[in-house]
Amino acid sequence: MIRIACRVGSEIQFLSTTKFHSGEFIIPKFDWKSCNEIEVQCFYDSDADIAALLLLGAHLREIEDLDGDINLFIPYIPYSRMDRFTDKEYEQFTALKSLLFNYYYNKIYTRDLHNPSTNKGLEAINREYKGIISNHHAVVLPDKTAFLRYTNTYGFDKRFIVFDKVRDGGKIVSKIVFDNTNFMDADFIIVDDICSRGGTFSNAAIEIRDKYPNRELNFDLLISHTENGIFTGNLFDHIRTVYTTNSILTDTTNPLMA
């Protein structure tokens, strides 16, 4: 879904976009030159949305001849998960970012940065996360990348448990590599950027409970992007509450959605 927010003077007007029956994107008619600033908001559903962003950007820059700020808010940026590509596949994220930045949009705002080293130039908007985290005794980070990403972002002053992938015999498994918690009873918050079925987070909760069998421990999950597959695993057997967004989650009628 794509909509457009135009600031005209002190007022903001929202424009919805539509499609022809055959699926082509329709750019709404508007006095674009009256806009002091434009923000395009895209909730990614398929690559058709990417085509629409490029068409809209081209229209505003080349047809309407706008040279003011045109920014993009896209909570979930497709192709940003490096773990979904192998050395035999082309990594499309860099090309996508180059297209959006170099041609049409001044700034790109997103919900999270999966890989900060490759997402330079993007800005993450997660201001409300600090409030959620502050209600917990300690933070669980599922790997070292999450540790680097979120400690730099939020400046945590809490206790941590950090996991990372280590070799155990002939297998690569996720193990606790840092733990400075010392609570008899505690509410933990697991923080990461994306969840498919949630196996990583379930396993983290299981391992911590196994390490501290005589403690009363609760686990919540704070996740920026949640796929519908979250309801197909056993995550809710181990996690009390999931805090997430609707950036890619569409199954909002599931009974597990409290």
Protein backbone atom coordinates (compact mmCIF):
# COMPACT_ATOMS: atom_id res chain seq x y z
CA MET A 1 0.00 0.00 0.00
CA ILE A 2 1.25 3.46 -0.89
CA ARG A 3 -0.08 6.81 0.26
CA ILE A 4 1.35 10.31 0.01
CA ALA A 5 1.51 13.00 2.68
CA CYS A 6 1.88 16.56 1.33
CA ARG A 7 2.62 19.51 3.57
CA VAL A 8 0.92 22.58 2.13
CA GLY A 9 1.68 25.55 4.37
CA SER A 10 0.92 24.39 7.92
CA GLU A 11 -1.49 21.65 6.83
CA ILE A 12 -0.79 18.05 5.82
CA GLN A 13 -2.96 16.45 3.16
CA PHE A 14 -3.01 12.68 2.63
CA LEU A 15 -3.51 11.26 -0.85
CA SER A 16 -4.42 7.62 -1.43
CA THR A 17 -3.24 5.72 -4.47
CA THR A 18 -5.31 3.28 -6.50
CA LYS A 19 -4.86 0.76 -9.29
CA PHE A 20 -6.52 -0.10 -12.54
CA HIS A 21 -8.34 -3.46 -12.69
CA SER A 22 -5.34 -4.87 -14.51
CA GLY A 23 -3.06 -3.86 -11.61
CA GLU A 24 -1.29 -0.77 -12.94
CA PHE A 25 -0.53 1.96 -10.44
CA ILE A 26 -2.52 5.22 -10.67
CA ILE A 27 -0.85 8.44 -9.56
CA PRO A 28 -3.45 10.80 -8.05
CA LYS A 29 -3.96 14.22 -9.60
CA PHE A 30 -2.84 17.04 -7.33
CA ASP A 31 -1.23 20.47 -7.40
CA TRP A 32 2.16 19.02 -6.48
CA LYS A 33 3.95 22.35 -6.80
CA SER A 34 1.93 23.65 -3.83
CA CYS A 35 3.66 21.15 -1.55
CA ASN A 36 6.40 22.40 0.74
CA GLU A 37 7.42 18.83 1.48
CA ILE A 38 6.27 15.37 0.36
CA GLU A 39 6.51 12.10 2.24
CA VAL A 40 5.70 8.90 0.38
CA GLN A 41 4.61 6.11 2.73
CA CYS A 42 4.95 2.53 1.51
CA PHE A 43 3.81 -0.58 3.39
CA TYR A 44 5.49 -3.27 1.33
CA ASP A 45 3.31 -6.10 0.06
CA SER A 46 5.05 -7.16 -3.14
CA ASP A 47 7.56 -5.91 -5.69
CA ALA A 48 4.68 -4.12 -7.41
CA ASP A 49 5.08 -1.54 -4.64
CA ILE A 50 8.72 -1.00 -5.61
CA ALA A 51 7.70 -0.41 -9.23
CA ALA A 52 5.08 2.07 -8.01
CA LEU A 53 7.68 3.95 -5.92
CA LEU A 54 9.91 4.31 -8.95
CA LEU A 55 7.03 5.45 -11.16
CA LEU A 56 5.85 7.96 -8.56
CA GLY A 57 9.38 9.28 -8.00
CA ALA A 58 9.92 9.67 -11.73
CA HIS A 59 6.61 11.48 -12.11
CA LEU A 60 7.28 13.94 -9.30
CA ARG A 61 10.88 14.68 -10.30
CA GLU A 62 10.69 14.55 -14.09
CA ILE A 63 7.08 15.30 -15.05
CA GLU A 64 6.15 17.71 -12.25
CA ASP A 65 9.77 18.98 -12.13
CA LEU A 66 9.89 19.13 -8.33
CA ASP A 67 13.25 19.87 -6.72
CA GLY A 68 12.13 20.09 -3.07
CA ASP A 69 12.30 17.39 -0.41
CA ILE A 70 10.62 14.13 -1.31
CA ASN A 71 11.17 11.60 1.46
CA LEU A 72 10.20 7.96 1.72
CA PHE A 73 8.90 6.13 4.79
CA ILE A 74 9.04 2.37 4.20
CA PRO A 75 8.87 0.42 7.48
CA TYR A 76 10.15 -2.82 5.94
CA ILE A 77 12.69 -2.59 3.13
CA PRO A 78 12.66 -5.72 0.97
CA TYR A 79 15.86 -7.59 0.17
CA SER A 80 17.59 -6.24 3.29
CA ARG A 81 17.93 -9.67 4.93
CA MET A 82 21.40 -10.83 4.00
CA ASP A 83 20.72 -14.33 5.36
CA ARG A 84 18.25 -14.96 2.53
CA PHE A 85 20.91 -14.92 -0.16
CA THR A 86 23.82 -17.18 -0.98
CA ASP A 87 27.02 -16.54 -2.88
CA LYS A 88 25.24 -17.93 -5.97
CA GLU A 89 22.49 -15.32 -5.89
CA TYR A 90 22.52 -11.62 -6.67
CA GLU A 91 22.01 -9.43 -3.63
CA GLN A 92 19.36 -6.93 -4.76
CA PHE A 93 19.31 -4.62 -1.75
CA THR A 94 22.20 -2.43 -2.84
CA ALA A 95 20.69 -1.94 -6.29
CA LEU A 96 17.27 -1.12 -4.82
CA LYS A 97 18.71 1.43 -2.40
CA SER A 98 20.72 3.01 -5.21
CA LEU A 99 17.63 3.36 -7.42
CA LEU A 100 15.51 4.98 -4.71
CA PHE A 101 18.23 7.29 -3.42
CA ASN A 102 20.07 8.34 -6.54
CA TYR A 103 17.07 9.23 -8.61
CA TYR A 104 14.10 10.33 -6.57
CA TYR A 105 14.11 10.39 -2.75
CA ASN A 106 16.11 12.65 -0.42
CA LYS A 107 15.79 10.55 2.73
CA ILE A 108 14.55 7.04 3.43
CA TYR A 109 13.11 6.26 6.86
CA THR A 110 12.56 2.68 7.97
CA ARG A 111 11.59 0.71 11.08
CA ASP A 112 14.86 -1.10 11.59
CA LEU A 113 18.25 -1.62 10.00
CA HIS A 114 18.92 -5.33 9.56
CA ASN A 115 22.55 -4.82 8.66
CA PRO A 116 23.85 -1.37 9.73
CA SER A 117 27.03 -1.75 7.67
CA THR A 118 25.07 -2.01 4.39
CA ASN A 119 22.17 0.27 5.34
CA LYS A 120 24.16 3.49 5.48
CA GLY A 121 22.05 6.49 4.50
CA LEU A 122 18.85 5.02 5.92
CA GLU A 123 17.34 6.32 9.14
CA ALA A 124 15.59 4.05 11.64
CA ILE A 125 12.50 5.27 13.53
CA ASN A 126 12.06 3.23 16.71
CA ARG A 127 11.49 5.90 19.34
CA GLU A 128 8.74 4.06 21.21
CA TYR A 129 10.92 0.98 21.70
CA LYS A 130 12.79 2.54 24.62
CA GLY A 131 9.60 2.73 26.66
CA ILE A 132 8.82 -0.95 26.09
CA ILE A 133 12.36 -2.02 26.97
CA SER A 134 12.41 0.07 30.16
CA ASN A 135 9.59 -2.05 31.64
CA HIS A 136 11.85 -5.14 31.75
CA HIS A 137 14.70 -6.18 34.01
CA ALA A 138 17.08 -7.36 31.29
CA VAL A 139 17.54 -7.54 27.52
CA VAL A 140 18.19 -10.70 25.50
CA LEU A 141 19.96 -10.22 22.17
CA PRO A 142 19.92 -13.28 19.87
CA ASP A 143 23.30 -12.65 18.21
CA LYS A 144 26.26 -10.29 18.19
CA THR A 145 24.85 -8.32 15.26
CA ALA A 146 21.75 -7.52 17.32
CA PHE A 147 24.01 -6.53 20.23
CA LEU A 148 25.93 -4.06 18.09
CA ARG A 149 22.80 -2.76 16.40
CA TYR A 150 20.69 -2.09 19.46
CA THR A 151 23.25 -1.04 22.04
CA ASN A 152 24.37 1.70 19.64
CA THR A 153 20.77 2.66 18.88
CA TYR A 154 19.34 2.74 22.40
CA GLY A 155 22.36 3.06 24.64
CA PHE A 156 21.13 0.28 26.93
CA ASP A 157 21.92 0.65 30.62
CA LYS A 158 20.40 -2.73 31.46
CA ARG A 159 21.64 -6.22 32.13
CA PHE A 160 22.23 -8.40 29.06
CA ILE A 161 22.19 -11.93 27.84
CA VAL A 162 23.82 -12.18 24.41
CA PHE A 163 23.70 -15.22 22.14
CA ASP A 164 25.82 -16.04 19.14
CA LYS A 165 26.37 -18.93 16.77
CA VAL A 166 29.18 -21.23 17.91
CA ARG A 167 30.45 -24.60 16.78
CA ASP A 168 29.33 -27.45 19.04
CA GLY A 169 30.98 -30.62 17.77
CA GLY A 170 30.05 -30.77 14.11
CA LYS A 171 27.07 -28.42 14.38
CA ILE A 172 26.60 -24.66 14.46
CA VAL A 173 24.30 -23.78 17.36
CA SER A 174 23.22 -20.63 19.17
CA LYS A 175 24.71 -20.37 22.64
CA ILE A 176 24.94 -17.80 25.43
CA VAL A 177 28.24 -15.94 25.04
CA PHE A 178 27.64 -13.15 27.57
CA ASP A 179 25.44 -12.96 30.66
CA ASN A 180 25.59 -10.36 33.41
CA THR A 181 22.10 -11.00 34.83
CA ASN A 182 21.68 -11.88 38.47
CA PHE A 183 17.96 -12.02 39.20
CA MET A 184 15.97 -14.64 41.09
CA ASP A 185 12.83 -13.53 39.22
CA ALA A 186 12.86 -11.43 36.09
CA ASP A 187 10.99 -10.18 33.05
CA PHE A 188 13.22 -10.41 29.98
CA ILE A 189 12.69 -8.65 26.66
CA ILE A 190 14.17 -10.28 23.55
CA VAL A 191 14.96 -7.64 20.91
CA ASP A 192 15.55 -8.20 17.19
CA ASP A 193 14.48 -6.85 13.83
CA ILE A 194 12.56 -9.65 12.10
CA CYS A 195 10.70 -12.84 12.98
CA SER A 196 9.66 -15.65 10.62
CA ARG A 197 8.45 -18.51 12.84
CA GLY A 198 10.30 -17.52 15.99
CA GLY A 199 12.45 -20.59 16.54
CA THR A 200 15.50 -18.50 17.44
CA PHE A 201 13.59 -16.71 20.19
CA SER A 202 11.89 -19.84 21.55
CA ASN A 203 15.27 -21.56 21.79
CA ALA A 204 16.75 -18.55 23.60
CA ALA A 205 14.00 -18.65 26.21
CA ILE A 206 14.44 -22.41 26.64
CA GLU A 207 18.20 -22.16 27.10
CA ILE A 208 17.94 -19.37 29.66
CA ARG A 209 15.33 -21.29 31.64
CA ASP A 210 17.55 -24.39 31.50
CA LYS A 211 20.48 -22.35 32.81
CA TYR A 212 18.42 -20.94 35.69
CA PRO A 213 15.90 -23.69 36.53
CA ASN A 214 14.93 -22.31 39.94
CA ARG A 215 14.00 -18.82 38.78
CA GLU A 216 10.63 -17.41 37.78
CA LEU A 217 11.42 -15.99 34.34
CA ASN A 218 9.09 -14.36 31.81
CA PHE A 219 9.99 -13.56 28.23
CA ASP A 220 8.53 -10.93 25.91
CA LEU A 221 9.60 -10.26 22.31
CA LEU A 222 10.13 -6.85 20.71
CA ILE A 223 10.37 -7.24 16.95
CA SER A 224 10.15 -4.65 14.19
CA HIS A 225 8.94 -6.92 11.38
CA THR A 226 6.82 -10.04 11.82
CA GLU A 227 5.90 -12.51 9.09
CA ASN A 228 2.61 -14.42 9.24
CA GLY A 229 4.65 -17.55 9.92
CA ILE A 230 4.95 -16.46 13.55
CA PHE A 231 1.63 -18.25 14.15
CA THR A 232 2.78 -21.57 12.68
CA GLY A 233 5.56 -22.38 15.15
CA ASN A 234 5.59 -22.85 18.91
CA LEU A 235 6.76 -19.35 19.80
CA PHE A 236 3.77 -18.59 22.02
CA ASP A 237 4.55 -21.63 24.16
CA HIS A 238 7.65 -19.79 25.37
CA ILE A 239 7.00 -16.06 24.82
CA ARG A 240 4.42 -14.19 26.88
CA THR A 241 3.88 -11.09 24.73
CA VAL A 242 5.03 -10.01 21.26
CA TYR A 243 5.42 -6.30 20.54
CA THR A 244 5.57 -5.71 16.80
CA THR A 245 4.34 -3.59 13.89
CA ASN A 246 2.17 -4.17 10.83
CA SER A 247 5.05 -3.51 8.43
CA ILE A 248 4.68 -6.98 6.83
CA LEU A 249 2.25 -8.77 9.18
CA THR A 250 -1.17 -9.16 7.54
CA ASP A 251 -2.77 -11.94 9.61
CA THR A 252 -4.16 -9.57 12.24
CA THR A 253 -7.28 -11.68 12.83
CA ASN A 254 -5.33 -14.58 14.32
CA PRO A 255 -6.68 -15.41 17.83
CA LEU A 256 -3.12 -15.19 19.19
CA MET A 257 -3.15 -11.47 18.44
CA ALA A 258 -4.28 -10.13 21.81
